[in-house]
Amino acid sequence: MRSGEAPFLRVREAAPLLGVSTSAVYQLANAWLDTRGQTGLPAVRLGRRILIPRAAIDRLAAVGSDNGHAADFAG
């Protein structure tokens, strides 16, 4: 995460960064919450709001880069 960036994103903010629809992000985030992190997109629920950690977006962006690390969300 870069300095000055919020540590969490709203679903509608995460969707364009991931290149998917808002409903797809909700579906993946709910899968994460329902399976306690076994599958889906890392997310936290704060009241009725679902937030996506920016670090999860950064890890997804790193997949396939030359850093050689795969995304590991469940661990």
C-alpha atoms as a PDB file:
ATOM      1  CA  MET A   1       0.000   0.000   0.000  1.00  0.00           C
ATOM      2  CA  ARG A   2       1.246   3.439  -0.901  1.00  0.00           C
ATOM      3  CA  SER A   3       1.295   6.312   1.537  1.00  0.00           C
ATOM      4  CA  GLY A   4      -1.959   8.261   1.686  1.00  0.00           C
ATOM      5  CA  GLU A   5      -4.145   5.444   0.364  1.00  0.00           C
ATOM      6  CA  ALA A   6      -7.052   4.161   2.395  1.00  0.00           C
ATOM      7  CA  PRO A   7      -6.389   0.672   3.788  1.00  0.00           C
ATOM      8  CA  PHE A   8      -9.872  -0.509   2.755  1.00  0.00           C
ATOM      9  CA  LEU A   9     -11.959   0.021  -0.363  1.00  0.00           C
ATOM     10  CA  ARG A  10     -15.695  -0.035  -0.840  1.00  0.00           C
ATOM     11  CA  VAL A  11     -16.916  -2.687  -3.224  1.00  0.00           C
ATOM     12  CA  ARG A  12     -17.744  -0.087  -5.865  1.00  0.00           C
ATOM     13  CA  GLU A  13     -14.156   1.226  -5.634  1.00  0.00           C
ATOM     14  CA  ALA A  14     -12.566  -2.240  -5.803  1.00  0.00           C
ATOM     15  CA  ALA A  15     -14.563  -3.418  -8.827  1.00  0.00           C
ATOM     16  CA  PRO A  16     -12.917  -1.211 -11.475  1.00  0.00           C
ATOM     17  CA  LEU A  17      -9.462  -1.895 -10.036  1.00  0.00           C
ATOM     18  CA  LEU A  18     -10.117  -5.605 -10.459  1.00  0.00           C
ATOM     19  CA  GLY A  19     -11.776  -5.180 -13.845  1.00  0.00           C
ATOM     20  CA  VAL A  20     -14.988  -6.903 -12.777  1.00  0.00           C
ATOM     21  CA  SER A  21     -18.533  -5.833 -11.966  1.00  0.00           C
ATOM     22  CA  THR A  22     -19.662  -4.630  -8.577  1.00  0.00           C
ATOM     23  CA  SER A  23     -21.942  -7.656  -8.287  1.00  0.00           C
ATOM     24  CA  ALA A  24     -18.974  -9.974  -8.936  1.00  0.00           C
ATOM     25  CA  VAL A  25     -17.025  -8.328  -6.108  1.00  0.00           C
ATOM     26  CA  TYR A  26     -20.028  -8.692  -3.775  1.00  0.00           C
ATOM     27  CA  GLN A  27     -20.331 -12.358  -4.740  1.00  0.00           C
ATOM     28  CA  LEU A  28     -16.617 -13.040  -4.147  1.00  0.00           C
ATOM     29  CA  ALA A  29     -16.567 -11.061  -0.894  1.00  0.00           C
ATOM     30  CA  ASN A  30     -19.629 -12.872   0.426  1.00  0.00           C
ATOM     31  CA  ALA A  31     -18.005 -16.196  -0.479  1.00  0.00           C
ATOM     32  CA  TRP A  32     -14.968 -15.164   1.599  1.00  0.00           C
ATOM     33  CA  LEU A  33     -17.134 -14.177   4.553  1.00  0.00           C
ATOM     34  CA  ASP A  34     -19.348 -17.280   4.316  1.00  0.00           C
ATOM     35  CA  THR A  35     -16.405 -19.707   4.125  1.00  0.00           C
ATOM     36  CA  ARG A  36     -14.265 -17.892   6.704  1.00  0.00           C
ATOM     37  CA  GLY A  37     -11.565 -17.185   4.159  1.00  0.00           C
ATOM     38  CA  GLN A  38     -11.432 -20.524   2.369  1.00  0.00           C
ATOM     39  CA  THR A  39     -12.524 -19.099  -0.985  1.00  0.00           C
ATOM     40  CA  GLY A  40     -13.416 -15.775  -2.559  1.00  0.00           C
ATOM     41  CA  LEU A  41     -12.016 -12.274  -2.223  1.00  0.00           C
ATOM     42  CA  PRO A  42     -10.763 -11.110   1.182  1.00  0.00           C
ATOM     43  CA  ALA A  43     -13.315  -8.837   2.792  1.00  0.00           C
ATOM     44  CA  VAL A  44     -14.473  -7.544   6.137  1.00  0.00           C
ATOM     45  CA  ARG A  45     -17.954  -6.599   7.197  1.00  0.00           C
ATOM     46  CA  LEU A  46     -18.352  -3.361   9.118  1.00  0.00           C
ATOM     47  CA  GLY A  47     -22.006  -3.040  10.004  1.00  0.00           C
ATOM     48  CA  ARG A  48     -23.861  -3.463   6.732  1.00  0.00           C
ATOM     49  CA  ARG A  49     -20.866  -2.381   4.673  1.00  0.00           C
ATOM     50  CA  ILE A  50     -18.457  -4.812   3.035  1.00  0.00           C
ATOM     51  CA  LEU A  51     -14.902  -3.525   2.678  1.00  0.00           C
ATOM     52  CA  ILE A  52     -12.059  -4.970   0.622  1.00  0.00           C
ATOM     53  CA  PRO A  53      -8.521  -4.658   2.023  1.00  0.00           C
ATOM     54  CA  ARG A  54      -6.309  -2.710  -0.376  1.00  0.00           C
ATOM     55  CA  ALA A  55      -3.543  -5.207   0.424  1.00  0.00           C
ATOM     56  CA  ALA A  56      -5.695  -7.944  -1.158  1.00  0.00           C
ATOM     57  CA  ILE A  57      -5.981  -5.885  -4.351  1.00  0.00           C
ATOM     58  CA  ASP A  58      -2.215  -5.308  -4.313  1.00  0.00           C
ATOM     59  CA  ARG A  59      -1.562  -9.062  -3.885  1.00  0.00           C
ATOM     60  CA  LEU A  60      -3.857  -9.858  -6.803  1.00  0.00           C
ATOM     61  CA  ALA A  61      -2.040  -7.287  -8.918  1.00  0.00           C
ATOM     62  CA  ALA A  62       1.272  -8.927  -8.043  1.00  0.00           C
ATOM     63  CA  VAL A  63       0.197 -12.338  -9.369  1.00  0.00           C
ATOM     64  CA  GLY A  64       2.063 -12.918 -12.589  1.00  0.00           C
ATOM     65  CA  SER A  65       4.472 -10.087 -11.972  1.00  0.00           C
ATOM     66  CA  ASP A  66       8.185 -10.758 -11.862  1.00  0.00           C
ATOM     67  CA  ASN A  67       8.266 -10.861  -8.054  1.00  0.00           C
ATOM     68  CA  GLY A  68       7.543 -14.593  -8.236  1.00  0.00           C
ATOM     69  CA  HIS A  69       5.006 -14.679  -5.416  1.00  0.00           C
ATOM     70  CA  ALA A  70       1.532 -16.111  -5.842  1.00  0.00           C
ATOM     71  CA  ALA A  71      -1.414 -14.617  -4.019  1.00  0.00           C
ATOM     72  CA  ASP A  72      -2.180 -16.478  -0.822  1.00  0.00           C
ATOM     73  CA  PHE A  73      -5.412 -15.218   0.648  1.00  0.00           C
ATOM     74  CA  ALA A  74      -6.399 -18.172   2.796  1.00  0.00           C
ATOM     75  CA  GLY A  75      -3.205 -18.307   4.800  1.00  0.00           C
END
